[in-house]
PDB file of N, CA and C in Angstrom:
ATOM      1  N   MET A   1       0.814  -1.188   0.000  1.00  0.00           N
ATOM      2  CA  MET A   1       0.000   0.000   0.000  1.00  0.00           C
ATOM      3  C   MET A   1       0.866   1.264   0.000  1.00  0.00           C
ATOM      4  N   VAL A   2       2.025   1.224   0.634  1.00  0.00           N
ATOM      5  CA  VAL A   2       2.939   2.373   0.600  1.00  0.00           C
ATOM      6  C   VAL A   2       3.368   2.649  -0.842  1.00  0.00           C
ATOM      7  N   GLU A   3       3.555   1.589  -1.609  1.00  0.00           N
ATOM      8  CA  GLU A   3       3.942   1.754  -3.008  1.00  0.00           C
ATOM      9  C   GLU A   3       2.850   2.484  -3.786  1.00  0.00           C
ATOM     10  N   ASP A   4       1.585   2.146  -3.512  1.00  0.00           N
ATOM     11  CA  ASP A   4       0.470   2.828  -4.173  1.00  0.00           C
ATOM     12  C   ASP A   4       0.468   4.315  -3.834  1.00  0.00           C
ATOM     13  N   ILE A   5       0.663   4.625  -2.568  1.00  0.00           N
ATOM     14  CA  ILE A   5       0.682   6.023  -2.145  1.00  0.00           C
ATOM     15  C   ILE A   5       1.805   6.773  -2.849  1.00  0.00           C
ATOM     16  N   SER A   6       2.998   6.188  -2.894  1.00  0.00           N
ATOM     17  CA  SER A   6       4.134   6.881  -3.516  1.00  0.00           C
ATOM     18  C   SER A   6       3.927   7.062  -5.014  1.00  0.00           C
ATOM     19  N   LEU A   7       3.290   6.103  -5.687  1.00  0.00           N
ATOM     20  CA  LEU A   7       3.025   6.248  -7.120  1.00  0.00           C
ATOM     21  C   LEU A   7       2.045   7.382  -7.396  1.00  0.00           C
ATOM     22  N   TYR A   8       0.972   7.447  -6.634  1.00  0.00           N
ATOM     23  CA  TYR A   8       0.000   8.526  -6.819  1.00  0.00           C
ATOM     24  C   TYR A   8       0.592   9.880  -6.422  1.00  0.00           C
ATOM     25  N   TYR A   9       1.313   9.902  -5.329  1.00  0.00           N
ATOM     26  CA  TYR A   9       1.924  11.141  -4.850  1.00  0.00           C
ATOM     27  C   TYR A   9       2.878  11.721  -5.892  1.00  0.00           C
ATOM     28  N   SER A  10       3.602  10.855  -6.580  1.00  0.00           N
ATOM     29  CA  SER A  10       4.575  11.318  -7.584  1.00  0.00           C
ATOM     30  C   SER A  10       3.898  12.022  -8.753  1.00  0.00           C
ATOM     31  N   LYS A  11       2.615  11.777  -8.966  1.00  0.00           N
ATOM     32  CA  LYS A  11       1.887  12.400 -10.067  1.00  0.00           C
ATOM     33  C   LYS A  11       1.351  13.790  -9.724  1.00  0.00           C
ATOM     34  N   LEU A  12       1.382  14.145  -8.439  1.00  0.00           N
ATOM     35  CA  LEU A  12       0.885  15.454  -8.012  1.00  0.00           C
ATOM     36  C   LEU A  12       1.833  16.578  -8.419  1.00  0.00           C
ATOM     37  N   LYS A  13       1.254  17.723  -8.723  1.00  0.00           N
ATOM     38  CA  LYS A  13       2.070  18.921  -8.915  1.00  0.00           C
ATOM     39  C   LYS A  13       2.558  19.371  -7.550  1.00  0.00           C
ATOM     40  N   LYS A  14       3.677  20.060  -7.526  1.00  0.00           N
ATOM     41  CA  LYS A  14       4.186  20.607  -6.266  1.00  0.00           C
ATOM     42  C   LYS A  14       3.140  21.540  -5.672  1.00  0.00           C
ATOM     43  N   GLY A  15       2.912  21.402  -4.382  1.00  0.00           N
ATOM     44  CA  GLY A  15       1.885  22.179  -3.707  1.00  0.00           C
ATOM     45  C   GLY A  15       0.504  21.539  -3.766  1.00  0.00           C
ATOM     46  N   GLY A  16       0.387  20.378  -4.459  1.00  0.00           N
ATOM     47  CA  GLY A  16      -0.892  19.699  -4.603  1.00  0.00           C
ATOM     48  C   GLY A  16      -1.344  19.003  -3.328  1.00  0.00           C
ATOM     49  N   LEU A  17      -2.630  18.737  -3.252  1.00  0.00           N
ATOM     50  CA  LEU A  17      -3.239  18.080  -2.103  1.00  0.00           C
ATOM     51  C   LEU A  17      -3.464  16.603  -2.418  1.00  0.00           C
ATOM     52  N   PHE A  18      -3.057  15.748  -1.502  1.00  0.00           N
ATOM     53  CA  PHE A  18      -3.252  14.299  -1.633  1.00  0.00           C
ATOM     54  C   PHE A  18      -4.032  13.848  -0.408  1.00  0.00           C
ATOM     55  N   SER A  19      -5.142  13.155  -0.615  1.00  0.00           N
ATOM     56  CA  SER A  19      -5.980  12.797   0.525  1.00  0.00           C
ATOM     57  C   SER A  19      -6.587  11.415   0.364  1.00  0.00           C
ATOM     58  N   GLY A  20      -7.106  10.919   1.474  1.00  0.00           N
ATOM     59  CA  GLY A  20      -7.772   9.632   1.469  1.00  0.00           C
ATOM     60  C   GLY A  20      -8.667   9.502   2.685  1.00  0.00           C
ATOM     61  N   HIS A  21      -9.259   8.336   2.809  1.00  0.00           N
ATOM     62  CA  HIS A  21     -10.148   8.086   3.942  1.00  0.00           C
ATOM     63  C   HIS A  21      -9.775   6.754   4.573  1.00  0.00           C
ATOM     64  N   ASP A  22     -10.549   6.309   5.513  1.00  0.00           N
ATOM     65  CA  ASP A  22     -10.318   5.037   6.214  1.00  0.00           C
ATOM     66  C   ASP A  22      -9.018   5.014   7.017  1.00  0.00           C
ATOM     67  N   TYR A  23      -8.578   6.180   7.498  1.00  0.00           N
ATOM     68  CA  TYR A  23      -7.360   6.233   8.303  1.00  0.00           C
ATOM     69  C   TYR A  23      -7.501   5.413   9.580  1.00  0.00           C
ATOM     70  N   ASP A  24      -8.715   5.113   9.969  1.00  0.00           N
ATOM     71  CA  ASP A  24      -8.940   4.290  11.158  1.00  0.00           C
ATOM     72  C   ASP A  24      -8.711   2.804  10.875  1.00  0.00           C
ATOM     73  N   TRP A  25      -8.507   2.408   9.634  1.00  0.00           N
ATOM     74  CA  TRP A  25      -8.183   1.019   9.293  1.00  0.00           C
ATOM     75  C   TRP A  25      -6.679   0.828   9.473  1.00  0.00           C
ATOM     76  N   GLU A  26      -6.284  -0.229  10.113  1.00  0.00           N
ATOM     77  CA  GLU A  26      -4.877  -0.450  10.476  1.00  0.00           C
ATOM     78  C   GLU A  26      -3.939  -0.418   9.266  1.00  0.00           C
ATOM     79  N   GLY A  27      -4.290  -1.074   8.170  1.00  0.00           N
ATOM     80  CA  GLY A  27      -3.425  -1.103   6.984  1.00  0.00           C
ATOM     81  C   GLY A  27      -3.244   0.268   6.361  1.00  0.00           C
ATOM     82  N   VAL A  28      -4.320   1.028   6.284  1.00  0.00           N
ATOM     83  CA  VAL A  28      -4.248   2.377   5.737  1.00  0.00           C
ATOM     84  C   VAL A  28      -3.392   3.258   6.641  1.00  0.00           C
ATOM     85  N   LYS A  29      -3.658   3.209   7.927  1.00  0.00           N
ATOM     86  CA  LYS A  29      -2.907   4.021   8.893  1.00  0.00           C
ATOM     87  C   LYS A  29      -1.412   3.703   8.828  1.00  0.00           C
ATOM     88  N   ARG A  30      -1.077   2.424   8.795  1.00  0.00           N
ATOM     89  CA  ARG A  30       0.333   2.014   8.753  1.00  0.00           C
ATOM     90  C   ARG A  30       1.015   2.544   7.494  1.00  0.00           C
ATOM     91  N   ALA A  31       0.357   2.405   6.339  1.00  0.00           N
ATOM     92  CA  ALA A  31       0.947   2.840   5.075  1.00  0.00           C
ATOM     93  C   ALA A  31       1.107   4.360   5.021  1.00  0.00           C
ATOM     94  N   VAL A  32       0.076   5.084   5.424  1.00  0.00           N
ATOM     95  CA  VAL A  32       0.141   6.549   5.413  1.00  0.00           C
ATOM     96  C   VAL A  32       1.222   7.033   6.371  1.00  0.00           C
ATOM     97  N   ASP A  33       1.245   6.490   7.577  1.00  0.00           N
ATOM     98  CA  ASP A  33       2.248   6.904   8.566  1.00  0.00           C
ATOM     99  C   ASP A  33       3.666   6.630   8.072  1.00  0.00           C
ATOM    100  N   GLU A  34       3.879   5.487   7.448  1.00  0.00           N
ATOM    101  CA  GLU A  34       5.215   5.150   6.931  1.00  0.00           C
ATOM    102  C   GLU A  34       5.623   6.114   5.813  1.00  0.00           C
ATOM    103  N   PHE A  35       4.703   6.386   4.902  1.00  0.00           N
ATOM    104  CA  PHE A  35       5.000   7.292   3.799  1.00  0.00           C
ATOM    105  C   PHE A  35       5.314   8.697   4.300  1.00  0.00           C
ATOM    106  N   VAL A  36       4.496   9.194   5.214  1.00  0.00           N
ATOM    107  CA  VAL A  36       4.688  10.535   5.768  1.00  0.00           C
ATOM    108  C   VAL A  36       6.029  10.640   6.485  1.00  0.00           C
ATOM    109  N   LYS A  37       6.374   9.616   7.232  1.00  0.00           N
ATOM    110  CA  LYS A  37       7.650   9.620   7.953  1.00  0.00           C
ATOM    111  C   LYS A  37       8.825   9.587   6.974  1.00  0.00           C
ATOM    112  N   THR A  38       8.755   8.721   5.977  1.00  0.00           N
ATOM    113  CA  THR A  38       9.826   8.594   4.990  1.00  0.00           C
ATOM    114  C   THR A  38      10.055   9.895   4.233  1.00  0.00           C
ATOM    115  N   CYS A  39       8.966  10.585   3.903  1.00  0.00           N
ATOM    116  CA  CYS A  39       9.055  11.814   3.103  1.00  0.00           C
ATOM    117  C   CYS A  39       9.123  13.085   3.940  1.00  0.00           C
ATOM    118  N   ASN A  40       9.080  12.938   5.268  1.00  0.00           N
ATOM    119  CA  ASN A  40       9.124  14.092   6.169  1.00  0.00           C
ATOM    120  C   ASN A  40       8.017  15.097   5.845  1.00  0.00           C
ATOM    121  N   LEU A  41       6.780  14.597   5.796  1.00  0.00           N
ATOM    122  CA  LEU A  41       5.618  15.418   5.469  1.00  0.00           C
ATOM    123  C   LEU A  41       4.760  15.647   6.705  1.00  0.00           C
ATOM    124  N   ASP A  42       3.936  16.670   6.650  1.00  0.00           N
ATOM    125  CA  ASP A  42       2.965  16.935   7.706  1.00  0.00           C
ATOM    126  C   ASP A  42       1.667  16.220   7.344  1.00  0.00           C
ATOM    127  N   LEU A  43       1.134  15.466   8.276  1.00  0.00           N
ATOM    128  CA  LEU A  43      -0.097  14.711   8.075  1.00  0.00           C
ATOM    129  C   LEU A  43      -1.237  15.412   8.800  1.00  0.00           C
ATOM    130  N   TYR A  44      -2.358  15.547   8.117  1.00  0.00           N
ATOM    131  CA  TYR A  44      -3.557  16.143   8.702  1.00  0.00           C
ATOM    132  C   TYR A  44      -4.644  15.078   8.750  1.00  0.00           C
ATOM    133  N   ILE A  45      -5.346  15.011   9.880  1.00  0.00           N
ATOM    134  CA  ILE A  45      -6.370  13.988  10.102  1.00  0.00           C
ATOM    135  C   ILE A  45      -7.601  14.666  10.691  1.00  0.00           C
ATOM    136  N   GLU A  46      -8.766  14.230  10.229  1.00  0.00           N
ATOM    137  CA  GLU A  46     -10.007  14.779  10.767  1.00  0.00           C
ATOM    138  C   GLU A  46     -11.068  13.691  10.793  1.00  0.00           C
ATOM    139  N   THR A  47     -11.824  13.651  11.869  1.00  0.00           N
ATOM    140  CA  THR A  47     -12.906  12.682  11.954  1.00  0.00           C
ATOM    141  C   THR A  47     -14.031  13.096  11.007  1.00  0.00           C
ATOM    142  N   THR A  48     -14.627  12.109  10.385  1.00  0.00           N
ATOM    143  CA  THR A  48     -15.746  12.359   9.476  1.00  0.00           C
ATOM    144  C   THR A  48     -17.059  11.922  10.100  1.00  0.00           C
ATOM    145  N   GLY A  49     -16.992  11.555  11.364  1.00  0.00           N
ATOM    146  CA  GLY A  49     -18.206  11.150  12.066  1.00  0.00           C
ATOM    147  C   GLY A  49     -18.222   9.666  12.350  1.00  0.00           C
ATOM    148  N   GLU A  50     -19.351   9.217  12.762  1.00  0.00           N
ATOM    149  CA  GLU A  50     -19.488   7.820  13.159  1.00  0.00           C
ATOM    150  C   GLU A  50     -20.217   7.037  12.067  1.00  0.00           C
ATOM    151  N   VAL A  51     -19.671   5.885  11.733  1.00  0.00           N
ATOM    152  CA  VAL A  51     -20.289   4.980  10.768  1.00  0.00           C
ATOM    153  C   VAL A  51     -20.325   3.597  11.403  1.00  0.00           C
ATOM    154  N   ARG A  52     -21.509   3.016  11.462  1.00  0.00           N
ATOM    155  CA  ARG A  52     -21.688   1.681  12.041  1.00  0.00           C
ATOM    156  C   ARG A  52     -21.073   1.554  13.433  1.00  0.00           C
ATOM    157  N   GLY A  53     -21.249   2.585  14.240  1.00  0.00           N
ATOM    158  CA  GLY A  53     -20.813   2.532  15.628  1.00  0.00           C
ATOM    159  C   GLY A  53     -19.356   2.836  15.891  1.00  0.00           C
ATOM    160  N   ARG A  54     -18.606   3.292  14.878  1.00  0.00           N
ATOM    161  CA  ARG A  54     -17.205   3.653  15.114  1.00  0.00           C
ATOM    162  C   ARG A  54     -16.858   4.923  14.346  1.00  0.00           C
ATOM    163  N   ASP A  55     -15.929   5.678  14.905  1.00  0.00           N
ATOM    164  CA  ASP A  55     -15.493   6.913  14.247  1.00  0.00           C
ATOM    165  C   ASP A  55     -14.695   6.579  12.996  1.00  0.00           C
ATOM    166  N   THR A  56     -14.846   7.395  11.981  1.00  0.00           N
ATOM    167  CA  THR A  56     -14.063   7.259  10.759  1.00  0.00           C
ATOM    168  C   THR A  56     -13.228   8.519  10.574  1.00  0.00           C
ATOM    169  N   TYR A  57     -12.144   8.403   9.823  1.00  0.00           N
ATOM    170  CA  TYR A  57     -11.204   9.522   9.677  1.00  0.00           C
ATOM    171  C   TYR A  57     -10.742   9.674   8.234  1.00  0.00           C
ATOM    172  N   ASP A  58     -10.609  10.928   7.813  1.00  0.00           N
ATOM    173  CA  ASP A  58      -9.971  11.273   6.547  1.00  0.00           C
ATOM    174  C   ASP A  58      -8.561  11.762   6.850  1.00  0.00           C
ATOM    175  N   TRP A  59      -7.682  11.675   5.881  1.00  0.00           N
ATOM    176  CA  TRP A  59      -6.304  12.153   6.040  1.00  0.00           C
ATOM    177  C   TRP A  59      -5.921  12.922   4.782  1.00  0.00           C
ATOM    178  N   TRP A  60      -4.960  13.841   4.920  1.00  0.00           N
ATOM    179  CA  TRP A  60      -4.439  14.542   3.757  1.00  0.00           C
ATOM    180  C   TRP A  60      -3.044  15.080   4.035  1.00  0.00           C
ATOM    181  N   ILE A  61      -2.323  15.267   2.936  1.00  0.00           N
ATOM    182  CA  ILE A  61      -0.976  15.837   2.969  1.00  0.00           C
ATOM    183  C   ILE A  61      -0.839  16.776   1.768  1.00  0.00           C
ATOM    184  N   TRP A  62       0.036  17.745   1.894  1.00  0.00           N
ATOM    185  CA  TRP A  62       0.349  18.656   0.801  1.00  0.00           C
ATOM    186  C   TRP A  62       1.710  18.266   0.229  1.00  0.00           C
ATOM    187  N   LYS A  63       1.842  18.267  -1.097  1.00  0.00           N
ATOM    188  CA  LYS A  63       3.131  17.932  -1.697  1.00  0.00           C
ATOM    189  C   LYS A  63       4.093  19.094  -1.521  1.00  0.00           C
ATOM    190  N   LYS A  64       5.234  18.797  -0.936  1.00  0.00           N
ATOM    191  CA  LYS A  64       6.249  19.831  -0.705  1.00  0.00           C
ATOM    192  C   LYS A  64       6.884  20.258  -2.022  1.00  0.00           C
ATOM    193  N   GLU A  65       7.492  21.420  -1.973  1.00  0.00           N
ATOM    194  CA  GLU A  65       8.174  21.941  -3.158  1.00  0.00           C
ATOM    195  C   GLU A  65       9.378  21.086  -3.536  1.00  0.00           C
ATOM    196  N   LYS A  66      10.070  20.552  -2.529  1.00  0.00           N
ATOM    197  CA  LYS A  66      11.212  19.686  -2.776  1.00  0.00           C
ATOM    198  C   LYS A  66      11.119  18.505  -1.831  1.00  0.00           C
ATOM    199  N   GLY A  67      11.579  17.351  -2.291  1.00  0.00           N
ATOM    200  CA  GLY A  67      11.581  16.195  -1.409  1.00  0.00           C
ATOM    201  C   GLY A  67      11.540  14.901  -2.196  1.00  0.00           C
ATOM    202  N   LYS A  68      11.512  13.830  -1.459  1.00  0.00           N
ATOM    203  CA  LYS A  68      11.500  12.496  -2.041  1.00  0.00           C
ATOM    204  C   LYS A  68      10.209  12.266  -2.819  1.00  0.00           C
ATOM    205  N   TYR A  69      10.259  11.435  -3.815  1.00  0.00           N
ATOM    206  CA  TYR A  69       9.131  11.042  -4.663  1.00  0.00           C
ATOM    207  C   TYR A  69       8.620  12.177  -5.533  1.00  0.00           C
ATOM    208  N   GLU A  70       9.499  13.052  -5.980  1.00  0.00           N
ATOM    209  CA  GLU A  70       9.057  14.133  -6.860  1.00  0.00           C
ATOM    210  C   GLU A  70       8.997  13.637  -8.285  1.00  0.00           C
TER     211      GLU A  70
END
């Protein structure tokens, strides 16, 4: 999943917004956290409310002007 994130991220223009959902799922959280750490990015997270009795979360990052995966 980290590979998928890096492939999509590489297609963004500098300063572009990259986002997703299901951050509360362990696989998604692990992949996003690893990518953000590797690329030294700021991660933003916000709850989208409750679905089927549990909170759900969206995540987003901004593509830096310079950095890995450009």
